[in-house]
Amino acid sequence: MMEVKKGRYKHFKGKEYQVIGVARHSETLEEYVVYHAVHDQNEIWIRPKEMFLEEIERAGKKMRRFTFIDAE
């Protein structure tokens, strides 16, 4: 599976997010990406790494859910 770099990412809906790091679930060992919205650092989000990196399809067009912009 691809690596998730710390830094800024753009979500396919347009908002930017800052990836803090990758965490591992203590029971399942599944990896989760830990991030927050650039416009609101008060809420921290997690998403399964596989989902964070996946390619999605919207209106017949394939795209990444999150696209790397730049390193921190």
N, C-alpha and C. Protein backbone atom coordinates (compact mmCIF):
# COMPACT_ATOMS: atom_id res chain seq x y z
N MET A 1 0.84 -1.18 0.00
CA MET A 1 0.00 0.00 0.00
C MET A 1 0.89 1.25 0.00
N MET A 2 0.39 2.31 -0.60
CA MET A 2 1.15 3.55 -0.69
C MET A 2 1.34 4.17 0.70
N GLU A 3 2.35 4.99 0.78
CA GLU A 3 2.66 5.71 2.02
C GLU A 3 1.87 7.02 2.03
N VAL A 4 1.47 7.47 3.21
CA VAL A 4 0.81 8.76 3.37
C VAL A 4 1.81 9.70 4.00
N LYS A 5 2.17 10.75 3.27
CA LYS A 5 3.12 11.74 3.78
C LYS A 5 2.39 12.78 4.62
N LYS A 6 3.09 13.29 5.64
CA LYS A 6 2.55 14.43 6.39
C LYS A 6 2.53 15.62 5.45
N GLY A 7 1.54 16.46 5.62
CA GLY A 7 1.44 17.66 4.78
C GLY A 7 0.01 17.98 4.42
N ARG A 8 -0.14 18.86 3.44
CA ARG A 8 -1.46 19.34 3.04
C ARG A 8 -1.99 18.52 1.87
N TYR A 9 -3.28 18.23 1.96
CA TYR A 9 -3.99 17.48 0.92
C TYR A 9 -5.26 18.22 0.56
N LYS A 10 -5.69 18.06 -0.68
CA LYS A 10 -6.95 18.65 -1.11
C LYS A 10 -7.95 17.52 -1.29
N HIS A 11 -9.09 17.65 -0.64
CA HIS A 11 -10.18 16.68 -0.76
C HIS A 11 -10.87 16.93 -2.11
N PHE A 12 -11.45 15.90 -2.68
CA PHE A 12 -12.06 16.04 -4.00
C PHE A 12 -13.21 17.06 -4.00
N LYS A 13 -13.77 17.37 -2.83
CA LYS A 13 -14.83 18.38 -2.76
C LYS A 13 -14.28 19.80 -2.65
N GLY A 14 -12.93 19.93 -2.52
CA GLY A 14 -12.31 21.25 -2.58
C GLY A 14 -11.62 21.76 -1.33
N LYS A 15 -11.98 21.27 -0.14
CA LYS A 15 -11.34 21.78 1.08
C LYS A 15 -9.97 21.16 1.27
N GLU A 16 -9.11 21.89 2.02
CA GLU A 16 -7.75 21.40 2.28
C GLU A 16 -7.65 20.87 3.71
N TYR A 17 -6.81 19.84 3.84
CA TYR A 17 -6.62 19.17 5.12
C TYR A 17 -5.14 18.96 5.37
N GLN A 18 -4.76 18.99 6.65
CA GLN A 18 -3.38 18.78 7.07
C GLN A 18 -3.28 17.40 7.71
N VAL A 19 -2.47 16.52 7.13
CA VAL A 19 -2.26 15.19 7.70
C VAL A 19 -1.23 15.30 8.81
N ILE A 20 -1.63 14.83 10.00
CA ILE A 20 -0.77 14.85 11.17
C ILE A 20 0.12 13.61 11.20
N GLY A 21 -0.45 12.49 10.77
CA GLY A 21 0.31 11.24 10.75
C GLY A 21 -0.59 10.05 10.49
N VAL A 22 -0.03 8.87 10.66
CA VAL A 22 -0.77 7.62 10.49
C VAL A 22 -0.73 6.89 11.83
N ALA A 23 -1.89 6.45 12.30
CA ALA A 23 -2.00 5.72 13.56
C ALA A 23 -2.44 4.29 13.28
N ARG A 24 -2.20 3.41 14.23
CA ARG A 24 -2.58 2.01 14.07
C ARG A 24 -3.57 1.63 15.17
N HIS A 25 -4.65 0.95 14.78
CA HIS A 25 -5.65 0.47 15.74
C HIS A 25 -5.01 -0.59 16.63
N SER A 26 -5.22 -0.49 17.93
CA SER A 26 -4.53 -1.39 18.88
C SER A 26 -5.00 -2.84 18.80
N GLU A 27 -6.20 -3.08 18.35
CA GLU A 27 -6.73 -4.45 18.28
C GLU A 27 -6.56 -5.08 16.90
N THR A 28 -6.90 -4.31 15.86
CA THR A 28 -6.91 -4.87 14.50
C THR A 28 -5.62 -4.58 13.73
N LEU A 29 -4.83 -3.63 14.22
CA LEU A 29 -3.60 -3.13 13.57
C LEU A 29 -3.88 -2.41 12.26
N GLU A 30 -5.16 -2.13 11.97
CA GLU A 30 -5.50 -1.36 10.77
C GLU A 30 -4.92 0.04 10.90
N GLU A 31 -4.42 0.59 9.79
CA GLU A 31 -3.84 1.93 9.79
C GLU A 31 -4.90 2.98 9.47
N TYR A 32 -4.83 4.09 10.20
CA TYR A 32 -5.75 5.21 10.02
C TYR A 32 -4.94 6.49 9.79
N VAL A 33 -5.42 7.34 8.89
CA VAL A 33 -4.79 8.64 8.66
C VAL A 33 -5.44 9.62 9.64
N VAL A 34 -4.61 10.39 10.32
CA VAL A 34 -5.06 11.38 11.30
C VAL A 34 -4.85 12.75 10.68
N TYR A 35 -5.91 13.56 10.63
CA TYR A 35 -5.81 14.85 9.94
C TYR A 35 -6.81 15.85 10.50
N HIS A 36 -6.64 17.12 10.14
CA HIS A 36 -7.60 18.16 10.50
C HIS A 36 -7.77 19.09 9.31
N ALA A 37 -8.91 19.77 9.29
CA ALA A 37 -9.16 20.75 8.23
C ALA A 37 -8.24 21.94 8.43
N VAL A 38 -7.69 22.46 7.35
CA VAL A 38 -6.81 23.64 7.43
C VAL A 38 -7.60 24.82 7.99
N HIS A 39 -8.86 24.94 7.63
CA HIS A 39 -9.68 26.06 8.07
C HIS A 39 -10.20 25.92 9.50
N ASP A 40 -10.07 24.71 10.11
CA ASP A 40 -10.54 24.49 11.48
C ASP A 40 -9.70 23.40 12.14
N GLN A 41 -8.70 23.81 12.89
CA GLN A 41 -7.78 22.86 13.50
C GLN A 41 -8.31 22.28 14.81
N ASN A 42 -9.51 22.67 15.23
CA ASN A 42 -10.07 22.20 16.50
C ASN A 42 -10.61 20.79 16.42
N GLU A 43 -11.02 20.35 15.25
CA GLU A 43 -11.53 18.99 15.10
C GLU A 43 -10.50 18.11 14.41
N ILE A 44 -10.20 16.99 15.03
CA ILE A 44 -9.25 16.04 14.45
C ILE A 44 -10.05 14.86 13.93
N TRP A 45 -9.72 14.45 12.71
CA TRP A 45 -10.43 13.37 12.04
C TRP A 45 -9.52 12.19 11.80
N ILE A 46 -10.11 11.00 11.68
CA ILE A 46 -9.37 9.82 11.24
C ILE A 46 -10.16 9.15 10.13
N ARG A 47 -9.45 8.49 9.25
CA ARG A 47 -10.07 7.75 8.16
C ARG A 47 -9.17 6.56 7.87
N PRO A 48 -9.74 5.39 7.59
CA PRO A 48 -8.89 4.26 7.23
C PRO A 48 -7.95 4.64 6.09
N LYS A 49 -6.69 4.26 6.23
CA LYS A 49 -5.67 4.60 5.24
C LYS A 49 -6.08 4.16 3.85
N GLU A 50 -6.64 2.97 3.75
CA GLU A 50 -7.08 2.45 2.45
C GLU A 50 -8.12 3.38 1.82
N MET A 51 -9.04 3.88 2.60
CA MET A 51 -10.06 4.79 2.09
C MET A 51 -9.46 6.16 1.75
N PHE A 52 -8.54 6.64 2.58
CA PHE A 52 -7.89 7.93 2.33
C PHE A 52 -7.19 7.93 0.98
N LEU A 53 -6.56 6.82 0.62
CA LEU A 53 -5.78 6.72 -0.61
C LEU A 53 -6.57 6.27 -1.83
N GLU A 54 -7.82 5.88 -1.62
CA GLU A 54 -8.56 5.28 -2.73
C GLU A 54 -8.91 6.26 -3.84
N GLU A 55 -9.15 5.69 -4.99
CA GLU A 55 -9.63 6.44 -6.14
C GLU A 55 -11.14 6.27 -6.17
N ILE A 56 -11.85 7.37 -6.37
CA ILE A 56 -13.30 7.34 -6.40
C ILE A 56 -13.79 7.78 -7.76
N GLU A 57 -15.07 7.60 -8.03
CA GLU A 57 -15.65 8.04 -9.29
C GLU A 57 -16.83 8.95 -8.99
N ARG A 58 -16.82 10.13 -9.59
CA ARG A 58 -17.91 11.10 -9.45
C ARG A 58 -18.22 11.63 -10.84
N ALA A 59 -19.50 11.60 -11.19
CA ALA A 59 -19.97 12.11 -12.49
C ALA A 59 -19.17 11.49 -13.64
N GLY A 60 -18.87 10.19 -13.51
CA GLY A 60 -18.17 9.48 -14.57
C GLY A 60 -16.68 9.74 -14.65
N LYS A 61 -16.15 10.51 -13.71
CA LYS A 61 -14.72 10.84 -13.71
C LYS A 61 -14.04 10.19 -12.51
N LYS A 62 -12.90 9.53 -12.74
CA LYS A 62 -12.13 8.93 -11.65
C LYS A 62 -11.13 9.95 -11.10
N MET A 63 -11.03 9.96 -9.77
CA MET A 63 -10.13 10.90 -9.10
C MET A 63 -9.75 10.33 -7.74
N ARG A 64 -8.69 10.87 -7.17
CA ARG A 64 -8.29 10.47 -5.82
C ARG A 64 -9.19 11.20 -4.83
N ARG A 65 -9.50 10.53 -3.72
CA ARG A 65 -10.30 11.16 -2.66
C ARG A 65 -9.51 12.36 -2.08
N PHE A 66 -8.22 12.16 -1.82
CA PHE A 66 -7.33 13.22 -1.34
C PHE A 66 -6.12 13.29 -2.25
N THR A 67 -5.72 14.50 -2.62
CA THR A 67 -4.55 14.71 -3.47
C THR A 67 -3.51 15.50 -2.69
N PHE A 68 -2.29 14.99 -2.65
CA PHE A 68 -1.19 15.65 -1.93
C PHE A 68 -0.89 16.99 -2.57
N ILE A 69 -0.75 18.03 -1.74
CA ILE A 69 -0.41 19.38 -2.24
C ILE A 69 1.05 19.70 -1.93
N ASP A 70 1.41 19.69 -0.62
CA ASP A 70 2.79 19.96 -0.25
C ASP A 70 3.09 19.45 1.16
N ALA A 71 4.39 19.27 1.42
CA ALA A 71 4.86 18.79 2.73
C ALA A 71 4.75 19.90 3.76
N GLU A 72 4.75 19.48 5.01
CA GLU A 72 4.65 20.48 6.07
C GLU A 72 5.95 21.22 6.26
